[in-house]
Amino acid sequence: MHLLSSLRLLKLVSCLIAGALLAMSVVHAEVPSFVQQSLRSTHSAHVIRVLPSLAADVVILQGGLAQGLRLGMRCSVTRGYQAVGELIIIESQSDRAAGLILNLVDDSTIQAGDIARVNTLQNS
């Protein structure tokens, strides 16, 4: 009996050691890129240029449907941390969008390089 229980104990210890070695040697897998990306689109785009016209200036954005910009969305336009104005999306394709300027802050102008972000509502 004593020999049988010693063999069982030896088998149990060897299984524990093997399990510990296996746990320590887990292969570090690379995380797929889609896991690191946000599931939500950025809902923002850079201003490429402003096309002046007689009725209203049109702002061309480098970003469209892929960034979550949809027809009728209102966007705040900023330069750094400073608010510049507001526009409404009038056309959106996969990688480009166009908006009409609704208002400008003080005597600001919207310029290439500014960022347009979709206005969102926040419940508190």
Protein backbone atom coordinates (compact mmCIF):
# COMPACT_ATOMS: atom_id res chain seq x y z
CA MET A 1 0.00 0.00 0.00
CA HIS A 2 2.77 2.38 0.90
CA LEU A 3 4.41 1.99 -2.53
CA LEU A 4 1.09 2.61 -4.33
CA SER A 5 0.40 5.85 -2.45
CA SER A 6 4.00 7.00 -3.08
CA LEU A 7 3.53 6.44 -6.80
CA ARG A 8 0.27 8.40 -6.75
CA LEU A 9 1.94 11.25 -4.88
CA LEU A 10 4.85 11.24 -7.33
CA LYS A 11 2.43 11.30 -10.28
CA LEU A 12 0.48 14.18 -8.71
CA VAL A 13 3.66 16.20 -8.07
CA SER A 14 4.91 15.61 -11.62
CA CYS A 15 1.55 16.75 -13.02
CA LEU A 16 1.69 19.92 -10.89
CA ILE A 17 5.24 20.67 -12.01
CA ALA A 18 4.34 20.07 -15.66
CA GLY A 19 1.31 22.36 -15.30
CA ALA A 20 3.42 25.08 -13.69
CA LEU A 21 6.03 24.85 -16.45
CA LEU A 22 3.32 25.01 -19.09
CA ALA A 23 1.73 28.04 -17.46
CA MET A 24 5.07 29.85 -17.30
CA SER A 25 5.85 29.13 -20.94
CA VAL A 26 2.62 30.47 -22.40
CA VAL A 27 3.29 31.87 -25.83
CA HIS A 28 2.74 35.61 -25.96
CA ALA A 29 0.34 36.08 -28.87
CA GLU A 30 0.20 39.34 -30.78
CA VAL A 31 -3.04 41.24 -30.26
CA PRO A 32 -4.92 41.73 -33.56
CA SER A 33 -5.09 45.36 -34.72
CA PHE A 34 -8.91 45.44 -34.64
CA VAL A 35 -8.82 44.81 -30.88
CA GLN A 36 -6.69 47.90 -30.33
CA GLN A 37 -8.94 50.13 -32.44
CA SER A 38 -12.05 51.79 -31.12
CA LEU A 39 -15.35 50.22 -32.13
CA ARG A 40 -16.77 53.70 -32.60
CA SER A 41 -15.76 55.90 -35.47
CA THR A 42 -13.98 59.12 -34.67
CA HIS A 43 -16.85 61.34 -35.84
CA SER A 44 -14.34 63.99 -36.82
CA ALA A 45 -12.54 65.13 -39.95
CA HIS A 46 -9.92 67.64 -41.03
CA VAL A 47 -10.94 70.61 -43.14
CA ILE A 48 -9.30 70.34 -46.57
CA ARG A 49 -10.49 73.67 -47.95
CA VAL A 50 -13.30 76.21 -47.94
CA LEU A 51 -15.05 76.98 -51.21
CA PRO A 52 -16.53 80.48 -51.10
CA SER A 53 -19.79 81.09 -52.94
CA LEU A 54 -22.40 83.83 -53.11
CA ALA A 55 -24.99 82.02 -50.99
CA ALA A 56 -22.86 80.19 -48.40
CA ASP A 57 -19.32 78.91 -48.07
CA VAL A 58 -18.88 75.15 -48.48
CA VAL A 59 -16.35 73.35 -46.28
CA ILE A 60 -14.72 70.23 -47.76
CA LEU A 61 -13.72 67.65 -45.14
CA GLN A 62 -11.15 64.85 -45.40
CA GLY A 63 -13.42 62.21 -43.96
CA GLY A 64 -16.94 61.09 -44.58
CA LEU A 65 -19.07 58.04 -43.94
CA ALA A 66 -16.05 56.08 -42.65
CA GLN A 67 -15.63 58.68 -39.88
CA GLY A 68 -19.34 58.66 -39.04
CA LEU A 69 -20.26 61.90 -40.83
CA ARG A 70 -23.83 61.69 -42.10
CA LEU A 71 -26.15 64.06 -43.92
CA GLY A 72 -27.70 66.63 -41.55
CA MET A 73 -25.23 66.22 -38.69
CA ARG A 74 -24.05 69.42 -37.00
CA CYS A 75 -20.33 69.76 -36.37
CA SER A 76 -18.27 72.08 -34.22
CA VAL A 77 -15.13 73.36 -35.90
CA THR A 78 -12.05 73.93 -33.77
CA ARG A 79 -8.46 75.07 -34.27
CA GLY A 80 -6.41 73.58 -31.48
CA TYR A 81 -8.52 74.15 -28.35
CA GLN A 82 -10.28 77.23 -29.75
CA ALA A 83 -13.81 77.07 -31.19
CA VAL A 84 -14.02 78.54 -34.68
CA GLY A 85 -17.58 77.86 -35.85
CA GLU A 86 -20.27 75.38 -36.64
CA LEU A 87 -21.37 73.64 -39.84
CA ILE A 88 -23.96 71.17 -41.08
CA ILE A 89 -23.09 68.19 -43.29
CA ILE A 90 -24.80 68.49 -46.70
CA GLU A 91 -23.01 65.64 -48.51
CA SER A 92 -21.06 62.62 -47.33
CA GLN A 93 -19.21 59.96 -49.29
CA SER A 94 -16.93 57.20 -48.00
CA ASP A 95 -13.86 59.41 -47.57
CA ARG A 96 -15.06 63.00 -48.16
CA ALA A 97 -17.83 65.22 -46.85
CA ALA A 98 -19.07 68.75 -47.41
CA GLY A 99 -20.71 71.11 -44.98
CA LEU A 100 -22.31 74.54 -44.94
CA ILE A 101 -21.11 77.07 -42.38
CA LEU A 102 -23.92 77.81 -39.92
CA ASN A 103 -22.08 80.32 -37.76
CA LEU A 104 -18.62 81.58 -36.87
CA VAL A 105 -17.22 82.53 -33.49
CA ASP A 106 -16.52 86.31 -33.40
CA ASP A 107 -14.55 87.21 -36.54
CA SER A 108 -13.08 83.73 -37.07
CA THR A 109 -12.77 81.97 -40.39
CA ILE A 110 -12.67 78.25 -41.06
CA GLN A 111 -9.35 77.23 -42.63
CA ALA A 112 -7.64 74.12 -43.96
CA GLY A 113 -6.32 72.07 -41.06
CA ASP A 114 -9.19 72.90 -38.68
CA ILE A 115 -11.07 69.93 -37.23
CA ALA A 116 -14.81 69.37 -37.53
CA ARG A 117 -16.33 67.13 -34.81
CA VAL A 118 -19.90 65.90 -34.71
CA ASN A 119 -21.92 67.50 -31.91
CA THR A 120 -23.24 64.85 -29.54
CA LEU A 121 -25.70 65.00 -26.69
CA GLN A 122 -24.65 63.86 -23.25
CA ASN A 123 -27.10 62.68 -20.61
CA SER A 124 -26.08 63.33 -17.04
